[in-house]
Amino acid sequence: MKTKLVIYQVFTRTFGNKNLTKKEYGSLVENGVGKMKDFDKTVLRRIHDLGVTHLWYTGVIRHATCTDYSAFGIPTQNPHVVKGRAGSPYAITDYYDIDPDIAVDVDARMSEFEALVTRTHAEGMKVIIDFVPNHVARQYKSIAKPEGVEDLGEGDDTGKHFDAQNNFYYCPGEQLNLSGVVENIYAHDAEVYYEFPARCTGNDRFDAHPQQNDWYETVKLNYGVDYCDAGGRSCHFHPVPSTWKKMTDILLFWAAKGVDGFRCDMAEMVPHEFWAYATQQVKERYPEMIFIGEVYNPNQYRMYVESGFDYLYDKVGMYDGVRGVMCDERPASSITHEWQKVDDIRDHMLYFLENHDEQRIASDFFASNPWRGVPGMIVSALLQQNPVMVYAGQEFGERGMDKEGFSGQDGRSTIFDYWTSDAIYKGFFNRKALKSDEKKLELIYQRILSLCNQEKAVREGLTFDLMYVNCQSQCFNPHKQFAFLRKADDEVLLIVVNFAQERVDVKVTIPAHAYDFLEIPEQDVEMTDLLSGFTKVVELKRDGQVAIEVEANHGCVYKFNIKK
């Protein structure tokens, strides 16, 4: 049976943290930290029962931090090149190691990760972790690499800006200059960071002077592309660049640990030729492995799909579109255009309303109210067969409005600081503190996400967008309502969502074309709303209308069976 992917992203370091101190710029000792062991059977079962098929553990690989683990043989990081006190999970210091923050027993951190994978699988879910291919932390040094593995940069010719077999890009004869970077609050007593020759910065900054808005804490990896060639960008892929081989070996290392998928950070900053090479090698050994690409340029979507990616972020299309509707900036009918733009690869697009990069729906920077996300969630989860993702705490209305430290008050849940999410803490570890409204929100998310695989029409059925005919209707507001059909075998779903702040009575026109395309005969049917349980009898008639009442910030998923 086909499975529709329902991905649940957790930020591992903060998810299980039960310390409620929440001191701004607080240390690990002051604010506490979550552990892999917090994901016990009870927690994993609750996540699974939400309708989740895949659990994305964000930030498990060892990264730069201001916390000192030298007593365990782990190199310390200079705070001048660390963002925040806990550090960015995307400034990797050892691709073969686990973040010591999230281990109860630091010396046994890899064993704890392996046990986490086993527990997750035992509860019926698959494991996704991050693969960060474009850049590493400035003080990258692997202490956990397998015997015989050459470290990144170990064989580089540092006298050249570019060499196809180098792992990094260099500024020969120049020292790294961080004068344009605001000093980390934790760095005032630290030694000056010294790097000579300077290596080029992760966001394609090819000089020795990164600025505050650059990814100054990272170093760009070299995949055989000379960005500064006098004749323009040039590619040098024969023989196979050293970085290709080393990074593919890293993927294979984690695949052997039982990981089922990789969310590939900033995938479009790495040449697609590498992805074709790496995904082929990994899938030859692990055919079920999935690759999810963080790609933001729609003009490159198809190229990355052809290069081995199973799924791509649909950020600039569906996410931006649905967010615009939720914020009263676009009509609901505009959603049609967003999915149609990538109709030929629609099964490869990953829909979401929140992740660690985006602002929380309930934040003052987005919709200010978590319930305004419900109609968007219904559309994102049920419109197509493609995957959908939620971010831990979204189902409880996490606001992301804390002022944590480096992250600041920006509507996002911090990935740089030691912190606790109130919503996650209550939802998983102190449920008696949940308010009735939070419990209701969790329940509606559970119902929506569970439909993704309970209903064949959702996980593998056809879609018919009803907006083109209802845009002209006097009984339907295309600015605030969106409607579509899903069908598999003799089961049909009529889905209508209402982005308005008030309850509405609408009449949804179902055109003759839909009857023909979906092979629906005219007849009387009994419809049941899978979200509320309400049942009604309706006469299906070509070009006829179905009267539906929809609550504010909500939707209906009416199921009926047809008789042929």
Protein backbone atom coordinates (compact mmCIF):
# COMPACT_ATOMS: atom_id res chain seq x y z
CA MET A 1 0.00 0.00 0.00
CA LYS A 2 1.27 3.43 -0.90
CA THR A 3 2.14 5.75 2.01
CA LYS A 4 1.72 9.49 1.97
CA LEU A 5 4.60 10.98 3.95
CA VAL A 6 3.63 12.95 7.04
CA ILE A 7 6.85 14.43 8.44
CA TYR A 8 7.15 15.74 11.99
CA GLN A 9 10.17 17.97 12.54
CA VAL A 10 11.64 18.21 16.03
CA PHE A 11 14.51 20.37 17.16
CA THR A 12 16.15 17.71 19.28
CA ARG A 13 18.05 20.01 21.66
CA THR A 14 14.96 21.90 22.84
CA PHE A 15 12.15 19.37 22.38
CA GLY A 16 12.54 17.46 25.65
CA ASN A 17 13.91 20.28 27.77
CA LYS A 18 11.85 20.48 30.97
CA ASN A 19 13.84 23.34 32.53
CA LEU A 20 11.52 26.36 32.58
CA THR A 21 14.12 28.96 33.65
CA LYS A 22 14.38 30.47 30.15
CA LYS A 23 17.04 33.01 30.98
CA GLU A 24 17.95 35.22 28.03
CA TYR A 25 21.39 34.21 26.74
CA GLY A 26 21.36 31.44 29.38
CA SER A 27 23.91 28.63 29.47
CA LEU A 28 23.20 24.91 29.33
CA VAL A 29 23.55 24.75 33.11
CA GLU A 30 21.09 27.61 33.58
CA ASN A 31 18.48 26.78 30.95
CA GLY A 32 18.90 23.04 30.52
CA VAL A 33 18.81 21.00 27.33
CA GLY A 34 16.73 18.22 25.80
CA LYS A 35 18.10 14.74 25.26
CA MET A 36 17.63 11.93 22.77
CA LYS A 37 16.33 9.78 25.62
CA ASP A 38 13.42 12.20 26.06
CA PHE A 39 11.97 10.49 22.99
CA ASP A 40 10.79 7.47 24.94
CA LYS A 41 8.02 5.07 23.98
CA THR A 42 5.27 7.33 25.33
CA VAL A 43 6.48 10.42 23.45
CA LEU A 44 7.10 8.54 20.22
CA ARG A 45 3.69 6.90 20.37
CA ARG A 46 2.01 10.28 20.83
CA ILE A 47 3.86 11.62 17.78
CA HIS A 48 2.92 8.52 15.76
CA ASP A 49 -0.72 8.79 16.80
CA LEU A 50 -0.80 12.30 15.35
CA GLY A 51 -0.62 10.57 11.97
CA VAL A 52 3.15 10.88 11.52
CA THR A 53 5.10 8.51 9.28
CA HIS A 54 8.56 10.16 9.38
CA LEU A 55 10.33 11.90 12.25
CA TRP A 56 12.95 14.49 11.32
CA TYR A 57 15.46 14.87 14.13
CA THR A 58 17.01 18.28 13.52
CA GLY A 59 20.45 19.09 14.90
CA VAL A 60 21.74 15.66 15.92
CA ILE A 61 25.17 15.86 14.23
CA ARG A 62 27.89 17.58 16.25
CA HIS A 63 28.09 21.31 15.56
CA ALA A 64 29.86 24.42 16.84
CA THR A 65 28.92 25.48 20.38
CA CYS A 66 30.21 27.67 23.20
CA THR A 67 29.71 24.86 25.69
CA ASP A 68 32.99 23.23 26.73
CA TYR A 69 33.16 19.46 26.25
CA SER A 70 36.95 19.21 26.27
CA ALA A 71 36.79 16.88 29.28
CA PHE A 72 35.34 14.31 26.89
CA GLY A 73 38.05 14.82 24.28
CA ILE A 74 35.85 17.06 22.12
CA PRO A 75 37.60 20.16 20.70
CA THR A 76 36.34 23.51 21.99
CA GLN A 77 35.08 26.18 19.60
CA ASN A 78 36.15 29.80 19.58
CA PRO A 79 32.98 31.84 20.36
CA HIS A 80 34.02 34.45 17.77
CA VAL A 81 32.93 31.91 15.13
CA VAL A 82 29.86 30.51 16.90
CA LYS A 83 26.35 31.93 16.54
CA GLY A 84 24.58 31.92 19.88
CA ARG A 85 25.57 30.07 23.03
CA ALA A 86 24.34 26.66 21.95
CA GLY A 87 25.44 27.25 18.35
CA SER A 88 23.89 26.69 14.96
CA PRO A 89 23.10 23.06 14.08
CA TYR A 90 24.09 23.96 10.52
CA ALA A 91 27.71 24.74 11.43
CA ILE A 92 28.90 21.14 11.57
CA THR A 93 32.16 20.38 13.39
CA ASP A 94 32.21 16.62 12.79
CA TYR A 95 30.04 14.83 10.24
CA TYR A 96 30.71 11.50 11.95
CA ASP A 97 29.73 12.52 15.48
CA ILE A 98 26.62 13.22 17.56
CA ASP A 99 25.98 16.51 19.37
CA PRO A 100 27.07 15.93 23.00
CA ASP A 101 24.36 18.31 24.25
CA ILE A 102 21.63 15.78 23.48
CA ALA A 103 23.31 12.77 25.11
CA VAL A 104 22.81 11.72 28.72
CA ASP A 105 26.16 9.91 28.59
CA VAL A 106 28.44 11.99 26.37
CA ASP A 107 30.89 9.14 25.83
CA ALA A 108 28.02 6.92 24.66
CA ARG A 109 26.38 9.54 22.43
CA MET A 110 26.53 7.43 19.26
CA SER A 111 25.01 4.46 21.04
CA GLU A 112 22.22 6.71 22.31
CA PHE A 113 21.53 7.83 18.75
CA GLU A 114 21.43 4.26 17.49
CA ALA A 115 18.98 3.41 20.27
CA LEU A 116 16.85 6.42 19.26
CA VAL A 117 16.67 5.12 15.70
CA THR A 118 15.64 1.69 16.99
CA ARG A 119 12.92 3.14 19.25
CA THR A 120 11.55 5.31 16.46
CA HIS A 121 11.34 2.35 14.09
CA ALA A 122 9.68 0.26 16.80
CA GLU A 123 6.87 2.83 17.02
CA GLY A 124 6.22 2.61 13.28
CA MET A 125 8.03 5.71 12.08
CA LYS A 126 11.06 6.31 9.90
CA VAL A 127 14.01 8.55 10.73
CA ILE A 128 15.19 11.62 8.83
CA ILE A 129 18.28 13.64 9.78
CA ASP A 130 19.95 16.69 8.31
CA PHE A 131 22.72 16.47 5.75
CA VAL A 132 24.53 19.82 5.50
CA PRO A 133 26.54 19.60 2.26
CA ASN A 134 27.36 23.21 1.40
CA HIS A 135 29.45 24.34 4.37
CA VAL A 136 31.05 23.35 7.67
CA ALA A 137 31.99 25.16 10.87
CA ARG A 138 35.22 27.16 10.67
CA GLN A 139 36.84 24.85 13.23
CA TYR A 140 35.68 21.63 11.65
CA LYS A 141 37.74 18.67 12.84
CA SER A 142 36.50 15.10 12.93
CA ILE A 143 37.47 13.06 15.97
CA ALA A 144 34.96 10.31 15.22
CA LYS A 145 35.69 9.51 11.58
CA PRO A 146 36.25 5.83 10.81
CA GLU A 147 39.79 4.61 10.61
CA GLY A 148 41.40 5.37 7.27
CA VAL A 149 39.06 8.26 6.41
CA GLU A 150 40.83 11.47 5.39
CA ASP A 151 39.40 14.55 7.08
CA LEU A 152 38.00 17.49 5.14
CA GLY A 153 40.80 19.85 4.10
CA GLU A 154 43.48 17.39 5.16
CA GLY A 155 45.04 17.09 1.72
CA ASP A 156 44.27 20.59 0.42
CA ASP A 157 46.79 22.78 -1.36
CA THR A 158 46.20 25.96 0.66
CA GLY A 159 48.32 28.03 -1.70
CA LYS A 160 45.56 27.97 -4.33
CA HIS A 161 42.25 29.79 -4.25
CA PHE A 162 40.74 26.92 -6.22
CA ASP A 163 41.78 23.39 -6.97
CA ALA A 164 39.23 20.79 -8.00
CA GLN A 165 40.66 18.30 -5.48
CA ASN A 166 40.66 20.77 -2.57
CA ASN A 167 37.78 20.53 -0.09
CA PHE A 168 37.78 24.26 0.66
CA TYR A 169 38.33 27.57 -1.17
CA TYR A 170 41.23 29.72 0.08
CA CYS A 171 42.37 33.32 0.07
CA PRO A 172 46.15 32.70 -0.25
CA GLY A 173 48.30 35.10 1.75
CA GLU A 174 45.32 36.64 3.59
CA GLN A 175 44.20 36.27 7.18
CA LEU A 176 40.49 35.99 7.94
CA ASN A 177 39.17 39.42 8.91
CA LEU A 178 36.08 39.44 11.15
CA SER A 179 36.06 43.18 11.80
CA GLY A 180 32.71 43.47 10.01
CA VAL A 181 31.06 41.00 12.38
CA VAL A 182 29.42 42.00 15.66
CA GLU A 183 31.20 40.22 18.49
CA ASN A 184 29.39 37.29 20.07
CA ILE A 185 28.28 38.29 23.59
CA TYR A 186 30.11 35.22 24.88
CA ALA A 187 33.39 36.09 23.15
CA HIS A 188 34.60 39.17 25.08
CA ASP A 189 37.06 37.09 27.14
CA ALA A 190 37.96 34.68 24.34
CA GLU A 191 41.15 34.65 22.34
CA VAL A 192 41.05 36.32 18.94
CA TYR A 193 40.14 33.79 16.28
CA TYR A 194 43.04 33.29 13.86
CA GLU A 195 42.68 31.68 10.45
CA PHE A 196 45.45 31.79 7.87
CA PRO A 197 45.09 31.49 5.03
CA ALA A 198 41.48 32.55 5.21
CA ARG A 199 38.95 30.13 3.80
CA CYS A 200 35.95 31.37 1.86
CA THR A 201 32.61 31.71 3.63
CA GLY A 202 29.62 29.38 3.34
CA ASN A 203 27.20 31.73 1.59
CA ASP A 204 29.46 31.97 -1.48
CA ARG A 205 31.55 34.84 -0.14
CA PHE A 206 34.91 34.38 -1.85
CA ASP A 207 37.06 36.87 0.04
CA ALA A 208 38.60 37.11 3.51
CA HIS A 209 36.19 39.73 4.87
CA PRO A 210 32.79 38.23 5.75
CA GLN A 211 30.25 40.66 7.22
CA GLN A 212 27.56 40.42 9.89
CA ASN A 213 24.89 39.13 7.51
CA ASP A 214 27.17 36.52 5.97
CA TRP A 215 27.45 32.97 7.25
CA TYR A 216 30.75 34.02 8.77
CA GLU A 217 30.85 31.03 11.14
CA THR A 218 31.04 28.59 8.21
CA VAL A 219 33.41 27.61 5.41
CA LYS A 220 32.23 26.84 1.87
CA LEU A 221 32.86 23.31 0.60
CA ASN A 222 34.40 22.89 -2.85
CA TYR A 223 32.59 20.50 -5.20
CA GLY A 224 34.80 21.25 -8.19
CA VAL A 225 33.17 24.54 -9.18
CA ASP A 226 35.43 27.56 -9.73
CA TYR A 227 33.15 30.51 -9.05
CA CYS A 228 35.90 33.06 -9.71
CA ASP A 229 37.19 31.80 -13.05
CA ALA A 230 38.11 34.69 -15.33
CA GLY A 231 35.69 33.37 -17.95
CA GLY A 232 32.87 32.93 -15.42
CA ARG A 233 31.85 29.96 -13.33
CA SER A 234 33.52 26.77 -14.52
CA CYS A 235 33.04 23.13 -13.51
CA HIS A 236 35.80 20.57 -13.02
CA PHE A 237 34.16 17.21 -12.35
CA HIS A 238 36.63 14.84 -14.04
CA PRO A 239 38.26 13.22 -12.21
CA VAL A 240 35.62 13.04 -9.49
CA PRO A 241 36.37 15.78 -6.93
CA SER A 242 37.59 14.73 -3.50
CA THR A 243 34.65 16.44 -1.80
CA TRP A 244 32.15 14.33 -3.77
CA LYS A 245 33.70 11.13 -2.47
CA LYS A 246 34.03 12.30 1.13
CA MET A 247 30.48 13.62 1.35
CA THR A 248 29.01 10.48 -0.25
CA ASP A 249 30.88 8.38 2.30
CA ILE A 250 29.27 10.47 5.06
CA LEU A 251 25.80 9.74 3.65
CA LEU A 252 26.61 6.03 3.53
CA PHE A 253 27.89 6.14 7.11
CA TRP A 254 24.55 7.42 8.42
CA ALA A 255 22.54 5.16 6.15
CA ALA A 256 24.32 2.23 7.78
CA LYS A 257 23.11 3.54 11.15
CA GLY A 258 19.51 2.94 10.06
CA VAL A 259 18.63 6.45 8.94
CA ASP A 260 15.80 6.37 6.37
CA GLY A 261 16.14 9.80 4.81
CA PHE A 262 18.14 12.99 4.55
CA ARG A 263 16.85 16.54 4.58
CA CYS A 264 19.57 18.23 2.53
CA ASP A 265 20.28 21.76 3.68
CA MET A 266 20.64 24.43 0.97
CA ALA A 267 20.82 21.72 -1.68
CA GLU A 268 20.77 24.20 -4.56
CA MET A 269 24.12 25.67 -3.44
CA VAL A 270 25.74 22.35 -4.36
CA PRO A 271 26.01 21.34 -8.06
CA HIS A 272 23.27 19.01 -9.23
CA GLU A 273 25.90 16.76 -10.79
CA PHE A 274 27.08 15.86 -7.28
CA TRP A 275 23.54 14.94 -6.23
CA ALA A 276 23.14 12.64 -9.23
CA TYR A 277 26.43 10.96 -8.25
CA ALA A 278 25.67 10.69 -4.52
CA THR A 279 22.00 9.70 -4.63
CA GLN A 280 22.75 6.96 -7.15
CA GLN A 281 25.46 5.48 -4.94
CA VAL A 282 23.35 5.64 -1.79
CA LYS A 283 20.20 4.25 -3.42
CA GLU A 284 22.10 1.37 -4.99
CA ARG A 285 22.79 0.14 -1.45
CA TYR A 286 19.70 1.56 0.28
CA PRO A 287 16.90 1.63 -2.33
CA GLU A 288 14.28 2.99 0.08
CA MET A 289 16.39 5.98 1.15
CA ILE A 290 14.68 9.33 0.55
CA PHE A 291 16.31 12.69 -0.18
CA ILE A 292 14.52 15.96 0.59
CA GLY A 293 16.07 19.07 -0.92
CA GLU A 294 15.93 22.61 0.43
CA VAL A 295 15.67 24.30 -2.97
CA TYR A 296 14.09 27.73 -3.38
CA ASN A 297 14.52 28.42 -7.10
CA PRO A 298 11.53 27.00 -9.04
CA ASN A 299 13.53 27.15 -12.27
CA GLN A 300 15.83 24.50 -10.82
CA TYR A 301 13.20 22.18 -9.32
CA ARG A 302 13.05 19.73 -12.20
CA MET A 303 16.84 19.56 -12.50
CA TYR A 304 17.16 18.53 -8.85
CA VAL A 305 14.34 15.98 -9.15
CA GLU A 306 16.13 14.49 -12.14
CA SER A 307 19.33 14.43 -10.05
CA GLY A 308 17.84 12.05 -7.50
CA PHE A 309 15.79 14.12 -5.07
CA ASP A 310 12.53 12.51 -4.04
CA TYR A 311 11.04 15.69 -2.62
CA LEU A 312 11.70 19.44 -2.65
CA TYR A 313 10.54 22.24 -0.37
CA ASP A 314 7.55 24.02 -1.92
CA LYS A 315 8.37 27.24 -0.11
CA VAL A 316 8.18 30.01 -2.70
CA GLY A 317 5.05 28.46 -4.20
CA MET A 318 2.58 26.76 -1.89
CA TYR A 319 3.97 28.00 1.45
CA ASP A 320 4.14 31.65 0.38
CA GLY A 321 0.76 31.34 -1.31
CA VAL A 322 -1.12 29.79 1.61
CA ARG A 323 0.57 32.15 4.06
CA GLY A 324 -0.58 35.07 1.94
CA VAL A 325 -4.17 33.81 2.11
CA MET A 326 -3.96 33.32 5.89
CA CYS A 327 -2.66 36.89 6.28
CA ASP A 328 -5.38 38.41 4.03
CA GLU A 329 -2.79 39.36 1.40
CA ARG A 330 -4.01 37.03 -1.36
CA PRO A 331 -7.32 35.44 -2.40
CA ALA A 332 -7.82 31.77 -1.61
CA SER A 333 -8.28 31.14 -5.33
CA SER A 334 -4.59 31.96 -5.86
CA ILE A 335 -3.69 28.59 -4.31
CA THR A 336 -4.74 26.99 -7.59
CA HIS A 337 -2.02 28.83 -9.47
CA GLU A 338 0.63 27.74 -6.96
CA TRP A 339 0.04 24.01 -7.33
CA GLN A 340 -0.50 24.24 -11.07
CA LYS A 341 2.94 25.85 -11.59
CA VAL A 342 4.58 22.56 -10.63
CA ASP A 343 1.81 20.19 -11.69
CA ASP A 344 4.21 17.96 -13.63
CA ILE A 345 6.29 17.32 -10.48
CA ARG A 346 3.57 17.83 -7.87
CA ASP A 347 4.20 14.45 -6.21
CA HIS A 348 7.75 15.64 -5.47
CA MET A 349 6.77 18.84 -3.64
CA LEU A 350 6.80 18.98 0.17
CA TYR A 351 4.08 21.19 1.68
CA PHE A 352 4.41 22.86 5.10
CA LEU A 353 3.28 25.88 7.10
CA GLU A 354 6.06 25.87 9.69
CA ASN A 355 9.65 24.73 10.07
CA HIS A 356 12.70 25.97 11.96
CA ASP A 357 13.43 28.66 9.35
CA GLU A 358 9.92 30.08 9.23
CA GLN A 359 7.88 32.08 11.69
CA ARG A 360 5.28 30.36 13.84
CA ILE A 361 1.69 30.72 12.65
CA ALA A 362 0.63 32.00 16.09
CA SER A 363 3.41 34.59 16.25
CA ASP A 364 2.78 38.30 15.93
CA PHE A 365 4.84 38.19 12.74
CA PHE A 366 2.52 35.74 10.98
CA ALA A 367 -1.17 35.22 11.80
CA SER A 368 -1.18 35.88 15.59
CA ASN A 369 -3.70 33.07 16.02
CA PRO A 370 -2.92 29.34 15.62
CA TRP A 371 -6.46 28.60 14.46
CA ARG A 372 -5.90 30.67 11.34
CA GLY A 373 -3.54 27.89 10.28
CA VAL A 374 -6.23 25.19 10.28
CA PRO A 375 -7.71 25.82 6.78
CA GLY A 376 -4.18 26.12 5.39
CA MET A 377 -3.25 22.86 7.07
CA ILE A 378 -6.25 21.09 5.55
CA VAL A 379 -5.25 22.29 2.09
CA SER A 380 -1.57 21.45 2.59
CA ALA A 381 -2.29 17.97 3.92
CA LEU A 382 -5.17 16.86 1.72
CA LEU A 383 -4.86 18.58 -1.67
CA GLN A 384 -2.42 16.15 -3.27
CA GLN A 385 -0.61 12.83 -2.78
CA ASN A 386 2.68 14.59 -1.96
CA PRO A 387 4.24 14.82 1.53
CA VAL A 388 3.25 17.28 4.22
CA MET A 389 5.30 18.45 7.22
CA VAL A 390 4.52 19.99 10.60
CA TYR A 391 6.95 21.47 13.13
CA ALA A 392 6.78 20.26 16.73
CA GLY A 393 4.58 22.59 18.76
CA GLN A 394 2.56 23.75 15.76
CA GLU A 395 -0.29 21.46 16.81
CA PHE A 396 -0.43 23.18 20.22
CA GLY A 397 -0.15 26.74 18.92
CA GLU A 398 3.47 27.47 19.85
CA ARG A 399 3.94 31.23 19.36
CA GLY A 400 7.72 31.54 18.99
CA MET A 401 7.59 34.95 20.66
CA ASP A 402 10.22 34.41 23.35
CA LYS A 403 13.32 36.60 23.43
CA GLU A 404 15.84 33.82 23.83
CA GLY A 405 19.20 35.47 23.20
CA PHE A 406 21.01 35.32 19.88
CA SER A 407 17.79 34.45 18.08
CA GLY A 408 15.93 37.46 19.45
CA GLN A 409 12.17 37.94 19.32
CA ASP A 410 11.42 37.15 15.69
CA GLY A 411 8.46 34.77 15.72
CA ARG A 412 10.70 31.73 15.30
CA SER A 413 11.67 29.07 17.81
CA THR A 414 15.39 29.48 18.42
CA ILE A 415 17.94 27.05 17.04
CA PHE A 416 20.89 29.00 18.48
CA ASP A 417 20.09 29.15 22.21
CA TYR A 418 19.40 26.82 25.13
CA TRP A 419 15.65 27.08 25.55
CA THR A 420 12.34 25.40 26.27
CA SER A 421 9.13 25.49 24.23
CA ASP A 422 6.16 26.00 26.53
CA ALA A 423 3.78 24.41 24.05
CA ILE A 424 5.91 21.29 23.54
CA TYR A 425 6.60 20.96 27.28
CA LYS A 426 2.89 21.02 28.06
CA GLY A 427 1.87 18.90 25.09
CA PHE A 428 4.28 16.06 25.79
CA PHE A 429 5.45 16.29 29.40
CA ASN A 430 2.80 18.18 31.40
CA ARG A 431 -0.50 17.64 29.63
CA LYS A 432 -2.62 18.65 32.61
CA ALA A 433 -1.40 22.20 31.96
CA LEU A 434 -2.83 22.25 28.42
CA LYS A 435 -5.73 24.64 27.97
CA SER A 436 -8.93 23.38 26.36
CA ASP A 437 -8.26 25.41 23.21
CA GLU A 438 -4.80 23.82 22.88
CA LYS A 439 -6.30 20.34 23.25
CA LYS A 440 -8.89 21.14 20.58
CA LEU A 441 -6.19 22.38 18.21
CA GLU A 442 -4.14 19.23 18.76
CA LEU A 443 -7.22 17.11 18.04
CA ILE A 444 -7.97 18.85 14.75
CA TYR A 445 -4.34 18.42 13.65
CA GLN A 446 -4.56 14.74 14.55
CA ARG A 447 -7.74 14.32 12.53
CA ILE A 448 -6.31 16.13 9.51
CA LEU A 449 -2.97 14.33 9.48
CA SER A 450 -4.51 10.92 10.16
CA LEU A 451 -6.65 11.28 7.04
CA CYS A 452 -3.48 11.39 4.95
CA ASN A 453 -3.12 7.62 5.18
CA GLN A 454 -6.48 6.49 6.50
CA GLU A 455 -8.20 7.68 3.34
CA LYS A 456 -7.14 6.13 0.04
CA ALA A 457 -8.53 9.14 -1.80
CA VAL A 458 -5.95 11.32 -0.03
CA ARG A 459 -2.87 9.11 -0.16
CA GLU A 460 -3.27 7.99 -3.79
CA GLY A 461 -6.42 9.47 -5.29
CA LEU A 462 -7.10 11.97 -8.06
CA THR A 463 -7.52 15.70 -7.38
CA PHE A 464 -10.04 18.04 -9.00
CA ASP A 465 -9.70 21.72 -8.13
CA LEU A 466 -13.15 23.33 -8.03
CA MET A 467 -12.07 26.95 -7.91
CA TYR A 468 -12.31 27.82 -11.61
CA VAL A 469 -16.06 27.32 -11.61
CA ASN A 470 -16.74 28.68 -8.12
CA CYS A 471 -14.81 31.92 -8.64
CA GLN A 472 -17.82 33.34 -10.49
CA SER A 473 -20.44 32.05 -8.08
CA GLN A 474 -22.58 34.41 -6.02
CA CYS A 475 -22.79 31.73 -3.32
CA PHE A 476 -19.06 31.26 -2.79
CA ASN A 477 -16.34 33.74 -1.85
CA PRO A 478 -13.10 32.81 -3.70
CA HIS A 479 -11.16 35.30 -1.57
CA LYS A 480 -11.86 33.34 1.60
CA GLN A 481 -12.96 29.83 0.60
CA PHE A 482 -11.18 27.06 -1.30
CA ALA A 483 -12.73 23.80 -2.52
CA PHE A 484 -11.58 20.62 -4.24
CA LEU A 485 -12.43 16.95 -4.74
CA ARG A 486 -10.35 13.82 -4.12
CA LYS A 487 -11.35 10.37 -5.42
CA ALA A 488 -10.10 6.79 -5.33
CA ASP A 489 -12.21 3.82 -6.47
CA ASP A 490 -15.79 4.56 -5.33
CA GLU A 491 -14.77 6.89 -2.49
CA VAL A 492 -14.99 10.66 -2.96
CA LEU A 493 -14.01 13.52 -0.66
CA LEU A 494 -15.47 17.00 -1.06
CA ILE A 495 -13.17 19.36 0.83
CA VAL A 496 -14.06 22.97 1.55
CA VAL A 497 -12.04 25.33 3.76
CA ASN A 498 -12.89 28.75 5.11
CA PHE A 499 -10.07 31.26 5.74
CA ALA A 500 -12.57 33.88 6.98
CA GLN A 501 -12.95 34.93 10.60
CA GLU A 502 -16.66 34.12 10.60
CA ARG A 503 -18.83 31.09 9.88
CA VAL A 504 -20.14 30.94 6.29
CA ASP A 505 -22.87 29.14 4.36
CA VAL A 506 -21.62 28.37 0.87
CA LYS A 507 -22.94 26.56 -2.17
CA VAL A 508 -20.19 24.67 -3.96
CA THR A 509 -20.68 24.12 -7.67
CA ILE A 510 -19.45 20.77 -8.99
CA PRO A 511 -19.12 21.11 -12.79
CA ALA A 512 -19.98 18.46 -15.35
CA HIS A 513 -16.28 18.22 -16.15
CA ALA A 514 -15.61 16.92 -12.63
CA TYR A 515 -18.30 14.25 -13.04
CA ASP A 516 -16.65 13.13 -16.28
CA PHE A 517 -13.04 13.32 -15.08
CA LEU A 518 -13.72 11.49 -11.82
CA GLU A 519 -16.44 9.23 -13.27
CA ILE A 520 -19.07 10.24 -10.74
CA PRO A 521 -22.69 9.37 -11.68
CA GLU A 522 -25.61 11.58 -10.74
CA GLN A 523 -27.31 10.15 -7.64
CA ASP A 524 -28.30 10.81 -4.05
CA VAL A 525 -25.48 10.20 -1.58
CA GLU A 526 -24.99 10.35 2.17
CA MET A 527 -22.03 12.58 3.04
CA THR A 528 -20.17 12.48 6.35
CA ASP A 529 -17.79 15.20 7.46
CA LEU A 530 -14.69 13.34 8.65
CA LEU A 531 -13.70 16.25 10.89
CA SER A 532 -16.98 16.77 12.76
CA GLY A 533 -18.96 13.57 12.16
CA PHE A 534 -21.92 15.53 10.75
CA THR A 535 -23.92 13.61 8.12
CA LYS A 536 -26.24 14.89 5.39
CA VAL A 537 -27.93 13.56 2.25
CA VAL A 538 -27.16 15.40 -0.98
CA GLU A 539 -28.36 15.11 -4.56
CA LEU A 540 -25.40 14.98 -6.93
CA LYS A 541 -26.24 16.69 -10.19
CA ARG A 542 -23.97 17.79 -13.03
CA ASP A 543 -23.29 21.53 -12.69
CA GLY A 544 -25.32 21.42 -9.49
CA GLN A 545 -24.50 22.90 -6.10
CA VAL A 546 -23.88 21.42 -2.67
CA ALA A 547 -24.81 23.60 0.32
CA ILE A 548 -22.21 23.49 3.10
CA GLU A 549 -21.82 25.33 6.38
CA VAL A 550 -18.18 25.99 7.34
CA GLU A 551 -16.98 27.36 10.66
CA ALA A 552 -14.53 30.27 10.87
CA ASN A 553 -10.88 29.25 10.33
CA HIS A 554 -11.92 25.70 9.62
CA GLY A 555 -12.99 23.28 6.95
CA CYS A 556 -15.11 20.26 6.06
CA VAL A 557 -14.01 16.95 4.59
CA TYR A 558 -17.21 15.33 3.34
CA LYS A 559 -16.84 11.70 2.35
CA PHE A 560 -19.33 9.79 0.23
CA ASN A 561 -19.42 6.56 -1.73
CA ILE A 562 -20.76 6.38 -5.25
CA LYS A 563 -22.77 3.58 -6.77
CA LYS A 564 -22.14 2.80 -10.40
